[in-house]
Amino acid sequence: MGYVSGFVAAVPAANKQAFIDHAKLAAEIFMDHGALEIAENWGVDVPDGQLTSFPMAVKCEPGEVVVFSWIKWPDKASCDHAMAAMMDDPRMTPDNMVMPFDGKRMIFGGFETIFTA
């Protein structure tokens, strides 16, 4: 049924446009390497939790917003191939792909789609 790469990050609210620009460039690269669909979502109602929460997971600091993103792939093999190929893509150099957030606090994972409606 497909494969999804999911991401959650804390982005400074002041960097919203820089994040959008970064996401658009990244989306172009992901799509060129086989992604089927990409969604970037800016947090609007993301409450703090008592035990766990999105803000806690990414150690969200004052002035930051949680971003929730995913990339849909045909399958895990396509994702793995694309991720490896992207490391050689000249558009992925640090000069071209400046991250407008602290990437060390981003969480991510790969998921097999088991149901859609």
PDB file of N, CA and C in Angstrom:
ATOM      1  N   MET A   1       0.814  -1.209   0.000  1.00  0.00           N
ATOM      2  CA  MET A   1       0.000   0.000   0.000  1.00  0.00           C
ATOM      3  C   MET A   1       0.849   1.261   0.000  1.00  0.00           C
ATOM      4  N   GLY A   2       2.137   1.150   0.124  1.00  0.00           N
ATOM      5  CA  GLY A   2       2.974   2.331   0.109  1.00  0.00           C
ATOM      6  C   GLY A   2       3.813   2.467   1.357  1.00  0.00           C
ATOM      7  N   TYR A   3       4.571   3.527   1.375  1.00  0.00           N
ATOM      8  CA  TYR A   3       5.519   3.785   2.448  1.00  0.00           C
ATOM      9  C   TYR A   3       5.551   5.286   2.688  1.00  0.00           C
ATOM     10  N   VAL A   4       5.655   5.692   3.942  1.00  0.00           N
ATOM     11  CA  VAL A   4       5.656   7.105   4.308  1.00  0.00           C
ATOM     12  C   VAL A   4       6.847   7.404   5.198  1.00  0.00           C
ATOM     13  N   SER A   5       7.565   8.475   4.865  1.00  0.00           N
ATOM     14  CA  SER A   5       8.595   9.025   5.752  1.00  0.00           C
ATOM     15  C   SER A   5       7.929  10.168   6.499  1.00  0.00           C
ATOM     16  N   GLY A   6       8.002  10.129   7.821  1.00  0.00           N
ATOM     17  CA  GLY A   6       7.378  11.173   8.632  1.00  0.00           C
ATOM     18  C   GLY A   6       8.414  11.956   9.411  1.00  0.00           C
ATOM     19  N   PHE A   7       8.140  13.249   9.622  1.00  0.00           N
ATOM     20  CA  PHE A   7       9.078  14.153  10.280  1.00  0.00           C
ATOM     21  C   PHE A   7       8.327  15.106  11.199  1.00  0.00           C
ATOM     22  N   VAL A   8       8.925  15.412  12.342  1.00  0.00           N
ATOM     23  CA  VAL A   8       8.414  16.444  13.239  1.00  0.00           C
ATOM     24  C   VAL A   8       9.616  17.282  13.651  1.00  0.00           C
ATOM     25  N   ALA A   9       9.469  18.605  13.561  1.00  0.00           N
ATOM     26  CA  ALA A   9      10.572  19.512  13.895  1.00  0.00           C
ATOM     27  C   ALA A   9      10.027  20.754  14.582  1.00  0.00           C
ATOM     28  N   ALA A  10      10.896  21.433  15.311  1.00  0.00           N
ATOM     29  CA  ALA A  10      10.582  22.730  15.916  1.00  0.00           C
ATOM     30  C   ALA A  10      11.263  23.798  15.067  1.00  0.00           C
ATOM     31  N   VAL A  11      10.472  24.730  14.554  1.00  0.00           N
ATOM     32  CA  VAL A  11      10.989  25.776  13.675  1.00  0.00           C
ATOM     33  C   VAL A  11      10.715  27.136  14.311  1.00  0.00           C
ATOM     34  N   PRO A  12      11.723  28.000  14.390  1.00  0.00           N
ATOM     35  CA  PRO A  12      11.455  29.353  14.901  1.00  0.00           C
ATOM     36  C   PRO A  12      10.348  30.011  14.073  1.00  0.00           C
ATOM     37  N   ALA A  13       9.355  30.575  14.758  1.00  0.00           N
ATOM     38  CA  ALA A  13       8.240  31.218  14.066  1.00  0.00           C
ATOM     39  C   ALA A  13       8.739  32.294  13.106  1.00  0.00           C
ATOM     40  N   ALA A  14       9.797  32.972  13.469  1.00  0.00           N
ATOM     41  CA  ALA A  14      10.363  34.024  12.614  1.00  0.00           C
ATOM     42  C   ALA A  14      10.940  33.462  11.317  1.00  0.00           C
ATOM     43  N   ASN A  15      11.176  32.154  11.266  1.00  0.00           N
ATOM     44  CA  ASN A  15      11.756  31.511  10.080  1.00  0.00           C
ATOM     45  C   ASN A  15      10.700  30.839   9.198  1.00  0.00           C
ATOM     46  N   LYS A  16       9.434  31.200   9.372  1.00  0.00           N
ATOM     47  CA  LYS A  16       8.372  30.510   8.628  1.00  0.00           C
ATOM     48  C   LYS A  16       8.606  30.576   7.126  1.00  0.00           C
ATOM     49  N   GLN A  17       8.858  31.767   6.579  1.00  0.00           N
ATOM     50  CA  GLN A  17       9.048  31.874   5.129  1.00  0.00           C
ATOM     51  C   GLN A  17      10.312  31.139   4.690  1.00  0.00           C
ATOM     52  N   ALA A  18      11.377  31.236   5.495  1.00  0.00           N
ATOM     53  CA  ALA A  18      12.612  30.512   5.165  1.00  0.00           C
ATOM     54  C   ALA A  18      12.337  29.008   5.165  1.00  0.00           C
ATOM     55  N   PHE A  19      11.500  28.543   6.100  1.00  0.00           N
ATOM     56  CA  PHE A  19      11.151  27.120   6.132  1.00  0.00           C
ATOM     57  C   PHE A  19      10.359  26.739   4.883  1.00  0.00           C
ATOM     58  N   ILE A  20       9.406  27.569   4.487  1.00  0.00           N
ATOM     59  CA  ILE A  20       8.614  27.277   3.289  1.00  0.00           C
ATOM     60  C   ILE A  20       9.524  27.195   2.069  1.00  0.00           C
ATOM     61  N   ASP A  21      10.448  28.140   1.950  1.00  0.00           N
ATOM     62  CA  ASP A  21      11.387  28.120   0.822  1.00  0.00           C
ATOM     63  C   ASP A  21      12.236  26.854   0.842  1.00  0.00           C
ATOM     64  N   HIS A  22      12.732  26.486   2.032  1.00  0.00           N
ATOM     65  CA  HIS A  22      13.524  25.265   2.210  1.00  0.00           C
ATOM     66  C   HIS A  22      12.688  24.037   1.824  1.00  0.00           C
ATOM     67  N   ALA A  23      11.448  23.997   2.303  1.00  0.00           N
ATOM     68  CA  ALA A  23      10.572  22.849   2.045  1.00  0.00           C
ATOM     69  C   ALA A  23      10.269  22.708   0.551  1.00  0.00           C
ATOM     70  N   LYS A  24      10.078  23.836  -0.127  1.00  0.00           N
ATOM     71  CA  LYS A  24       9.795  23.770  -1.571  1.00  0.00           C
ATOM     72  C   LYS A  24      10.987  23.216  -2.348  1.00  0.00           C
ATOM     73  N   LEU A  25      12.186  23.640  -1.987  1.00  0.00           N
ATOM     74  CA  LEU A  25      13.381  23.105  -2.648  1.00  0.00           C
ATOM     75  C   LEU A  25      13.533  21.618  -2.343  1.00  0.00           C
ATOM     76  N   ALA A  26      13.373  21.254  -1.073  1.00  0.00           N
ATOM     77  CA  ALA A  26      13.482  19.843  -0.696  1.00  0.00           C
ATOM     78  C   ALA A  26      12.428  19.008  -1.415  1.00  0.00           C
ATOM     79  N   ALA A  27      11.208  19.533  -1.522  1.00  0.00           N
ATOM     80  CA  ALA A  27      10.135  18.793  -2.193  1.00  0.00           C
ATOM     81  C   ALA A  27      10.488  18.531  -3.652  1.00  0.00           C
ATOM     82  N   GLU A  28      11.049  19.517  -4.314  1.00  0.00           N
ATOM     83  CA  GLU A  28      11.462  19.338  -5.706  1.00  0.00           C
ATOM     84  C   GLU A  28      12.479  18.199  -5.825  1.00  0.00           C
ATOM     85  N   ILE A  29      13.417  18.173  -4.901  1.00  0.00           N
ATOM     86  CA  ILE A  29      14.452  17.131  -4.929  1.00  0.00           C
ATOM     87  C   ILE A  29      13.846  15.765  -4.633  1.00  0.00           C
ATOM     88  N   PHE A  30      13.002  15.685  -3.594  1.00  0.00           N
ATOM     89  CA  PHE A  30      12.355  14.415  -3.259  1.00  0.00           C
ATOM     90  C   PHE A  30      11.511  13.904  -4.438  1.00  0.00           C
ATOM     91  N   MET A  31      10.759  14.808  -5.069  1.00  0.00           N
ATOM     92  CA  MET A  31       9.912  14.402  -6.194  1.00  0.00           C
ATOM     93  C   MET A  31      10.766  13.924  -7.369  1.00  0.00           C
ATOM     94  N   ASP A  32      11.878  14.603  -7.612  1.00  0.00           N
ATOM     95  CA  ASP A  32      12.774  14.166  -8.687  1.00  0.00           C
ATOM     96  C   ASP A  32      13.343  12.777  -8.427  1.00  0.00           C
ATOM     97  N   HIS A  33      13.388  12.384  -7.156  1.00  0.00           N
ATOM     98  CA  HIS A  33      13.942  11.074  -6.801  1.00  0.00           C
ATOM     99  C   HIS A  33      12.852  10.045  -6.478  1.00  0.00           C
ATOM    100  N   GLY A  34      11.609  10.337  -6.862  1.00  0.00           N
ATOM    101  CA  GLY A  34      10.573   9.316  -6.790  1.00  0.00           C
ATOM    102  C   GLY A  34       9.473   9.486  -5.769  1.00  0.00           C
ATOM    103  N   ALA A  35       9.487  10.556  -4.975  1.00  0.00           N
ATOM    104  CA  ALA A  35       8.395  10.770  -4.023  1.00  0.00           C
ATOM    105  C   ALA A  35       7.086  10.972  -4.780  1.00  0.00           C
ATOM    106  N   LEU A  36       6.003  10.474  -4.213  1.00  0.00           N
ATOM    107  CA  LEU A  36       4.690  10.600  -4.836  1.00  0.00           C
ATOM    108  C   LEU A  36       3.921  11.822  -4.346  1.00  0.00           C
ATOM    109  N   GLU A  37       4.116  12.158  -3.080  1.00  0.00           N
ATOM    110  CA  GLU A  37       3.375  13.265  -2.467  1.00  0.00           C
ATOM    111  C   GLU A  37       4.158  13.751  -1.258  1.00  0.00           C
ATOM    112  N   ILE A  38       4.089  15.051  -1.007  1.00  0.00           N
ATOM    113  CA  ILE A  38       4.784  15.650   0.132  1.00  0.00           C
ATOM    114  C   ILE A  38       3.830  16.604   0.808  1.00  0.00           C
ATOM    115  N   ALA A  39       3.801  16.588   2.124  1.00  0.00           N
ATOM    116  CA  ALA A  39       2.967  17.523   2.883  1.00  0.00           C
ATOM    117  C   ALA A  39       3.807  18.156   3.983  1.00  0.00           C
ATOM    118  N   GLU A  40       3.743  19.469   4.067  1.00  0.00           N
ATOM    119  CA  GLU A  40       4.395  20.234   5.127  1.00  0.00           C
ATOM    120  C   GLU A  40       3.280  20.940   5.884  1.00  0.00           C
ATOM    121  N   ASN A  41       3.270  20.804   7.203  1.00  0.00           N
ATOM    122  CA  ASN A  41       2.163  21.311   8.003  1.00  0.00           C
ATOM    123  C   ASN A  41       2.681  22.143   9.168  1.00  0.00           C
ATOM    124  N   TRP A  42       2.271  23.411   9.224  1.00  0.00           N
ATOM    125  CA  TRP A  42       2.693  24.370  10.242  1.00  0.00           C
ATOM    126  C   TRP A  42       1.753  24.250  11.437  1.00  0.00           C
ATOM    127  N   GLY A  43       2.297  24.048  12.627  1.00  0.00           N
ATOM    128  CA  GLY A  43       1.484  23.849  13.818  1.00  0.00           C
ATOM    129  C   GLY A  43       0.595  25.032  14.149  1.00  0.00           C
ATOM    130  N   VAL A  44      -0.672  24.742  14.418  1.00  0.00           N
ATOM    131  CA  VAL A  44      -1.639  25.759  14.808  1.00  0.00           C
ATOM    132  C   VAL A  44      -2.203  25.430  16.185  1.00  0.00           C
ATOM    133  N   ASP A  45      -2.525  24.167  16.405  1.00  0.00           N
ATOM    134  CA  ASP A  45      -3.095  23.711  17.674  1.00  0.00           C
ATOM    135  C   ASP A  45      -2.312  22.477  18.107  1.00  0.00           C
ATOM    136  N   VAL A  46      -1.157  22.713  18.725  1.00  0.00           N
ATOM    137  CA  VAL A  46      -0.244  21.634  19.107  1.00  0.00           C
ATOM    138  C   VAL A  46       0.053  21.791  20.605  1.00  0.00           C
ATOM    139  N   PRO A  47      -0.808  21.231  21.458  1.00  0.00           N
ATOM    140  CA  PRO A  47      -0.672  21.471  22.898  1.00  0.00           C
ATOM    141  C   PRO A  47       0.522  20.749  23.525  1.00  0.00           C
ATOM    142  N   ASP A  48       1.024  21.343  24.587  1.00  0.00           N
ATOM    143  CA  ASP A  48       2.025  20.670  25.409  1.00  0.00           C
ATOM    144  C   ASP A  48       1.344  19.533  26.136  1.00  0.00           C
ATOM    145  N   GLY A  49       2.075  18.464  26.364  1.00  0.00           N
ATOM    146  CA  GLY A  49       1.520  17.339  27.086  1.00  0.00           C
ATOM    147  C   GLY A  49       2.101  17.251  28.488  1.00  0.00           C
ATOM    148  N   GLN A  50       1.562  16.345  29.284  1.00  0.00           N
ATOM    149  CA  GLN A  50       2.109  16.105  30.615  1.00  0.00           C
ATOM    150  C   GLN A  50       3.181  15.024  30.569  1.00  0.00           C
ATOM    151  N   LEU A  51       2.964  14.002  29.752  1.00  0.00           N
ATOM    152  CA  LEU A  51       3.935  12.913  29.631  1.00  0.00           C
ATOM    153  C   LEU A  51       4.631  12.917  28.279  1.00  0.00           C
ATOM    154  N   THR A  52       3.854  13.117  27.201  1.00  0.00           N
ATOM    155  CA  THR A  52       4.411  13.171  25.850  1.00  0.00           C
ATOM    156  C   THR A  52       3.621  14.177  25.029  1.00  0.00           C
ATOM    157  N   SER A  53       4.237  14.683  24.005  1.00  0.00           N
ATOM    158  CA  SER A  53       3.571  15.592  23.072  1.00  0.00           C
ATOM    159  C   SER A  53       4.537  15.892  21.931  1.00  0.00           C
ATOM    160  N   PHE A  54       4.016  16.450  20.865  1.00  0.00           N
ATOM    161  CA  PHE A  54       4.892  16.880  19.783  1.00  0.00           C
ATOM    162  C   PHE A  54       5.906  17.921  20.280  1.00  0.00           C
ATOM    163  N   PRO A  55       5.475  18.964  21.008  1.00  0.00           N
ATOM    164  CA  PRO A  55       6.460  19.942  21.480  1.00  0.00           C
ATOM    165  C   PRO A  55       7.546  19.314  22.363  1.00  0.00           C
ATOM    166  N   MET A  56       7.162  18.382  23.211  1.00  0.00           N
ATOM    167  CA  MET A  56       8.152  17.733  24.074  1.00  0.00           C
ATOM    168  C   MET A  56       9.110  16.875  23.251  1.00  0.00           C
ATOM    169  N   ALA A  57       8.589  16.204  22.242  1.00  0.00           N
ATOM    170  CA  ALA A  57       9.408  15.291  21.443  1.00  0.00           C
ATOM    171  C   ALA A  57      10.543  16.016  20.730  1.00  0.00           C
ATOM    172  N   VAL A  58      10.291  17.264  20.317  1.00  0.00           N
ATOM    173  CA  VAL A  58      11.310  18.027  19.583  1.00  0.00           C
ATOM    174  C   VAL A  58      11.944  19.124  20.447  1.00  0.00           C
ATOM    175  N   LYS A  59      11.662  19.062  21.763  1.00  0.00           N
ATOM    176  CA  LYS A  59      12.219  20.039  22.705  1.00  0.00           C
ATOM    177  C   LYS A  59      11.948  21.470  22.226  1.00  0.00           C
ATOM    178  N   CYS A  60      10.686  21.721  21.903  1.00  0.00           N
ATOM    179  CA  CYS A  60      10.257  23.007  21.387  1.00  0.00           C
ATOM    180  C   CYS A  60      10.570  24.106  22.402  1.00  0.00           C
ATOM    181  N   GLU A  61      11.185  25.168  21.926  1.00  0.00           N
ATOM    182  CA  GLU A  61      11.572  26.295  22.768  1.00  0.00           C
ATOM    183  C   GLU A  61      10.609  27.454  22.527  1.00  0.00           C
ATOM    184  N   PRO A  62      10.562  28.434  23.444  1.00  0.00           N
ATOM    185  CA  PRO A  62       9.695  29.601  23.228  1.00  0.00           C
ATOM    186  C   PRO A  62      10.001  30.254  21.869  1.00  0.00           C
ATOM    187  N   GLY A  63       8.941  30.612  21.159  1.00  0.00           N
ATOM    188  CA  GLY A  63       9.103  31.231  19.853  1.00  0.00           C
ATOM    189  C   GLY A  63       9.224  30.244  18.708  1.00  0.00           C
ATOM    190  N   GLU A  64       9.124  28.959  19.003  1.00  0.00           N
ATOM    191  CA  GLU A  64       9.183  27.935  17.960  1.00  0.00           C
ATOM    192  C   GLU A  64       7.806  27.328  17.735  1.00  0.00           C
ATOM    193  N   VAL A  65       7.614  26.808  16.531  1.00  0.00           N
ATOM    194  CA  VAL A  65       6.366  26.180  16.119  1.00  0.00           C
ATOM    195  C   VAL A  65       6.684  24.753  15.679  1.00  0.00           C
ATOM    196  N   VAL A  66       5.812  23.821  16.020  1.00  0.00           N
ATOM    197  CA  VAL A  66       6.001  22.437  15.589  1.00  0.00           C
ATOM    198  C   VAL A  66       5.537  22.296  14.141  1.00  0.00           C
ATOM    199  N   VAL A  67       6.367  21.647  13.332  1.00  0.00           N
ATOM    200  CA  VAL A  67       6.047  21.338  11.945  1.00  0.00           C
ATOM    201  C   VAL A  67       5.956  19.821  11.820  1.00  0.00           C
ATOM    202  N   PHE A  68       4.915  19.360  11.156  1.00  0.00           N
ATOM    203  CA  PHE A  68       4.655  17.938  10.962  1.00  0.00           C
ATOM    204  C   PHE A  68       4.621  17.693   9.457  1.00  0.00           C
ATOM    205  N   SER A  69       5.476  16.821   8.969  1.00  0.00           N
ATOM    206  CA  SER A  69       5.637  16.630   7.530  1.00  0.00           C
ATOM    207  C   SER A  69       5.660  15.148   7.185  1.00  0.00           C
ATOM    208  N   TRP A  70       5.286  14.849   5.942  1.00  0.00           N
ATOM    209  CA  TRP A  70       5.441  13.477   5.471  1.00  0.00           C
ATOM    210  C   TRP A  70       5.680  13.447   3.975  1.00  0.00           C
ATOM    211  N   ILE A  71       6.317  12.358   3.572  1.00  0.00           N
ATOM    212  CA  ILE A  71       6.581  12.097   2.158  1.00  0.00           C
ATOM    213  C   ILE A  71       6.031  10.717   1.843  1.00  0.00           C
ATOM    214  N   LYS A  72       5.205  10.639   0.822  1.00  0.00           N
ATOM    215  CA  LYS A  72       4.640   9.352   0.402  1.00  0.00           C
ATOM    216  C   LYS A  72       5.509   8.783  -0.716  1.00  0.00           C
ATOM    217  N   TRP A  73       5.879   7.503  -0.575  1.00  0.00           N
ATOM    218  CA  TRP A  73       6.707   6.783  -1.542  1.00  0.00           C
ATOM    219  C   TRP A  73       5.934   5.558  -2.042  1.00  0.00           C
ATOM    220  N   PRO A  74       6.307   5.033  -3.213  1.00  0.00           N
ATOM    221  CA  PRO A  74       5.663   3.793  -3.675  1.00  0.00           C
ATOM    222  C   PRO A  74       5.906   2.629  -2.713  1.00  0.00           C
ATOM    223  N   ASP A  75       7.119   2.560  -2.154  1.00  0.00           N
ATOM    224  CA  ASP A  75       7.488   1.478  -1.248  1.00  0.00           C
ATOM    225  C   ASP A  75       8.792   1.856  -0.540  1.00  0.00           C
ATOM    226  N   LYS A  76       9.193   1.065   0.428  1.00  0.00           N
ATOM    227  CA  LYS A  76      10.407   1.347   1.200  1.00  0.00           C
ATOM    228  C   LYS A  76      11.652   1.320   0.315  1.00  0.00           C
ATOM    229  N   ALA A  77      11.705   0.395  -0.622  1.00  0.00           N
ATOM    230  CA  ALA A  77      12.872   0.310  -1.502  1.00  0.00           C
ATOM    231  C   ALA A  77      13.048   1.602  -2.299  1.00  0.00           C
ATOM    232  N   SER A  78      11.950   2.181  -2.772  1.00  0.00           N
ATOM    233  CA  SER A  78      12.020   3.452  -3.504  1.00  0.00           C
ATOM    234  C   SER A  78      12.531   4.566  -2.603  1.00  0.00           C
ATOM    235  N   CYS A  79      12.061   4.592  -1.373  1.00  0.00           N
ATOM    236  CA  CYS A  79      12.521   5.593  -0.404  1.00  0.00           C
ATOM    237  C   CYS A  79      14.011   5.423  -0.134  1.00  0.00           C
ATOM    238  N   ASP A  80      14.429   4.203   0.138  1.00  0.00           N
ATOM    239  CA  ASP A  80      15.843   3.941   0.426  1.00  0.00           C
ATOM    240  C   ASP A  80      16.731   4.338  -0.749  1.00  0.00           C
ATOM    241  N   HIS A  81      16.299   4.006  -1.956  1.00  0.00           N
ATOM    242  CA  HIS A  81      17.065   4.360  -3.156  1.00  0.00           C
ATOM    243  C   HIS A  81      17.158   5.886  -3.299  1.00  0.00           C
ATOM    244  N   ALA A  82      16.037   6.567  -3.103  1.00  0.00           N
ATOM    245  CA  ALA A  82      16.014   8.026  -3.229  1.00  0.00           C
ATOM    246  C   ALA A  82      16.906   8.692  -2.186  1.00  0.00           C
ATOM    247  N   MET A  83      16.853   8.227  -0.951  1.00  0.00           N
ATOM    248  CA  MET A  83      17.667   8.830   0.112  1.00  0.00           C
ATOM    249  C   MET A  83      19.154   8.679  -0.210  1.00  0.00           C
ATOM    250  N   ALA A  84      19.539   7.533  -0.722  1.00  0.00           N
ATOM    251  CA  ALA A  84      20.945   7.325  -1.094  1.00  0.00           C
ATOM    252  C   ALA A  84      21.326   8.224  -2.275  1.00  0.00           C
ATOM    253  N   ALA A  85      20.458   8.309  -3.275  1.00  0.00           N
ATOM    254  CA  ALA A  85      20.741   9.129  -4.452  1.00  0.00           C
ATOM    255  C   ALA A  85      20.797  10.615  -4.105  1.00  0.00           C
ATOM    256  N   MET A  86      19.999  11.024  -3.146  1.00  0.00           N
ATOM    257  CA  MET A  86      19.978  12.435  -2.775  1.00  0.00           C
ATOM    258  C   MET A  86      21.296  12.896  -2.147  1.00  0.00           C
ATOM    259  N   MET A  87      22.030  11.996  -1.547  1.00  0.00           N
ATOM    260  CA  MET A  87      23.304  12.375  -0.943  1.00  0.00           C
ATOM    261  C   MET A  87      24.309  12.815  -2.014  1.00  0.00           C
ATOM    262  N   ASP A  88      24.112  12.360  -3.256  1.00  0.00           N
ATOM    263  CA  ASP A  88      24.973  12.751  -4.369  1.00  0.00           C
ATOM    264  C   ASP A  88      24.372  13.879  -5.208  1.00  0.00           C
ATOM    265  N   ASP A  89      23.175  14.323  -4.868  1.00  0.00           N
ATOM    266  CA  ASP A  89      22.506  15.380  -5.627  1.00  0.00           C
ATOM    267  C   ASP A  89      23.138  16.719  -5.268  1.00  0.00           C
ATOM    268  N   PRO A  90      23.660  17.462  -6.241  1.00  0.00           N
ATOM    269  CA  PRO A  90      24.334  18.727  -5.947  1.00  0.00           C
ATOM    270  C   PRO A  90      23.422  19.766  -5.281  1.00  0.00           C
ATOM    271  N   ARG A  91      22.117  19.615  -5.423  1.00  0.00           N
ATOM    272  CA  ARG A  91      21.195  20.548  -4.767  1.00  0.00           C
ATOM    273  C   ARG A  91      21.146  20.344  -3.261  1.00  0.00           C
ATOM    274  N   MET A  92      21.699  19.223  -2.788  1.00  0.00           N
ATOM    275  CA  MET A  92      21.662  18.908  -1.356  1.00  0.00           C
ATOM    276  C   MET A  92      22.893  19.405  -0.591  1.00  0.00           C
ATOM    277  N   THR A  93      23.758  20.166  -1.223  1.00  0.00           N
ATOM    278  CA  THR A  93      24.948  20.665  -0.530  1.00  0.00           C
ATOM    279  C   THR A  93      24.534  21.615   0.588  1.00  0.00           C
ATOM    280  N   PRO A  94      25.336  21.714   1.639  1.00  0.00           N
ATOM    281  CA  PRO A  94      25.002  22.617   2.745  1.00  0.00           C
ATOM    282  C   PRO A  94      24.787  24.069   2.297  1.00  0.00           C
ATOM    283  N   ASP A  95      25.478  24.497   1.253  1.00  0.00           N
ATOM    284  CA  ASP A  95      25.281  25.867   0.758  1.00  0.00           C
ATOM    285  C   ASP A  95      23.897  26.049   0.137  1.00  0.00           C
ATOM    286  N   ASN A  96      23.395  25.020  -0.521  1.00  0.00           N
ATOM    287  CA  ASN A  96      22.081  25.093  -1.162  1.00  0.00           C
ATOM    288  C   ASN A  96      20.941  24.761  -0.218  1.00  0.00           C
ATOM    289  N   MET A  97      21.201  23.915   0.758  1.00  0.00           N
ATOM    290  CA  MET A  97      20.145  23.382   1.615  1.00  0.00           C
ATOM    291  C   MET A  97      20.348  23.827   3.067  1.00  0.00           C
ATOM    292  N   VAL A  98      20.299  25.129   3.288  1.00  0.00           N
ATOM    293  CA  VAL A  98      20.455  25.673   4.639  1.00  0.00           C
ATOM    294  C   VAL A  98      19.167  25.407   5.414  1.00  0.00           C
ATOM    295  N   MET A  99      19.287  24.715   6.530  1.00  0.00           N
ATOM    296  CA  MET A  99      18.110  24.369   7.323  1.00  0.00           C
ATOM    297  C   MET A  99      17.753  25.529   8.256  1.00  0.00           C
ATOM    298  N   PRO A 100      16.522  26.048   8.172  1.00  0.00           N
ATOM    299  CA  PRO A 100      16.116  27.166   9.016  1.00  0.00           C
ATOM    300  C   PRO A 100      15.594  26.724  10.385  1.00  0.00           C
ATOM    301  N   PHE A 101      16.107  25.598  10.863  1.00  0.00           N
ATOM    302  CA  PHE A 101      15.721  25.060  12.170  1.00  0.00           C
ATOM    303  C   PHE A 101      16.834  24.146  12.652  1.00  0.00           C
ATOM    304  N   ASP A 102      16.745  23.723  13.907  1.00  0.00           N
ATOM    305  CA  ASP A 102      17.755  22.850  14.502  1.00  0.00           C
ATOM    306  C   ASP A 102      17.453  21.395  14.126  1.00  0.00           C
ATOM    307  N   GLY A 103      18.149  20.904  13.135  1.00  0.00           N
ATOM    308  CA  GLY A 103      17.917  19.552  12.646  1.00  0.00           C
ATOM    309  C   GLY A 103      18.228  18.463  13.656  1.00  0.00           C
ATOM    310  N   LYS A 104      19.016  18.776  14.674  1.00  0.00           N
ATOM    311  CA  LYS A 104      19.333  17.759  15.689  1.00  0.00           C
ATOM    312  C   LYS A 104      18.116  17.408  16.537  1.00  0.00           C
ATOM    313  N   ARG A 105      17.116  18.292  16.564  1.00  0.00           N
ATOM    314  CA  ARG A 105      15.914  18.027  17.355  1.00  0.00           C
ATOM    315  C   ARG A 105      14.766  17.489  16.515  1.00  0.00           C
ATOM    316  N   MET A 106      14.979  17.315  15.225  1.00  0.00           N
ATOM    317  CA  MET A 106      13.950  16.747  14.361  1.00  0.00           C
ATOM    318  C   MET A 106      13.842  15.250  14.642  1.00  0.00           C
ATOM    319  N   ILE A 107      12.624  14.760  14.678  1.00  0.00           N
ATOM    320  CA  ILE A 107      12.422  13.311  14.789  1.00  0.00           C
ATOM    321  C   ILE A 107      11.843  12.827  13.460  1.00  0.00           C
ATOM    322  N   PHE A 108      12.149  11.594  13.114  1.00  0.00           N
ATOM    323  CA  PHE A 108      11.702  11.066  11.827  1.00  0.00           C
ATOM    324  C   PHE A 108      11.618   9.553  11.896  1.00  0.00           C
ATOM    325  N   GLY A 109      10.909   8.995  10.946  1.00  0.00           N
ATOM    326  CA  GLY A 109      10.795   7.546  10.867  1.00  0.00           C
ATOM    327  C   GLY A 109      10.122   7.152   9.570  1.00  0.00           C
ATOM    328  N   GLY A 110      10.187   5.864   9.262  1.00  0.00           N
ATOM    329  CA  GLY A 110       9.558   5.309   8.070  1.00  0.00           C
ATOM    330  C   GLY A 110       8.425   4.384   8.471  1.00  0.00           C
ATOM    331  N   PHE A 111       7.324   4.465   7.722  1.00  0.00           N
ATOM    332  CA  PHE A 111       6.122   3.739   8.091  1.00  0.00           C
ATOM    333  C   PHE A 111       5.511   3.056   6.877  1.00  0.00           C
ATOM    334  N   GLU A 112       5.124   1.813   7.040  1.00  0.00           N
ATOM    335  CA  GLU A 112       4.392   1.097   6.002  1.00  0.00           C
ATOM    336  C   GLU A 112       2.924   1.447   6.123  1.00  0.00           C
ATOM    337  N   THR A 113       2.312   1.866   5.021  1.00  0.00           N
ATOM    338  CA  THR A 113       0.883   2.188   5.051  1.00  0.00           C
ATOM    339  C   THR A 113       0.086   0.895   5.165  1.00  0.00           C
ATOM    340  N   ILE A 114      -0.777   0.841   6.159  1.00  0.00           N
ATOM    341  CA  ILE A 114      -1.592  -0.363   6.369  1.00  0.00           C
ATOM    342  C   ILE A 114      -3.083  -0.111   6.135  1.00  0.00           C
ATOM    343  N   PHE A 115      -3.456   1.188   6.053  1.00  0.00           N
ATOM    344  CA  PHE A 115      -4.874   1.507   5.821  1.00  0.00           C
ATOM    345  C   PHE A 115      -4.986   2.962   5.376  1.00  0.00           C
ATOM    346  N   THR A 116      -5.804   3.235   4.408  1.00  0.00           N
ATOM    347  CA  THR A 116      -6.174   4.604   4.034  1.00  0.00           C
ATOM    348  C   THR A 116      -7.662   4.635   3.799  1.00  0.00           C
ATOM    349  N   ALA A 117      -8.250   5.806   3.909  1.00  0.00           N
ATOM    350  CA  ALA A 117      -9.702   5.957   3.678  1.00  0.00           C
ATOM    351  C   ALA A 117      -9.942   7.181   2.836  1.00  0.00           C
TER     352      ALA A 117
END
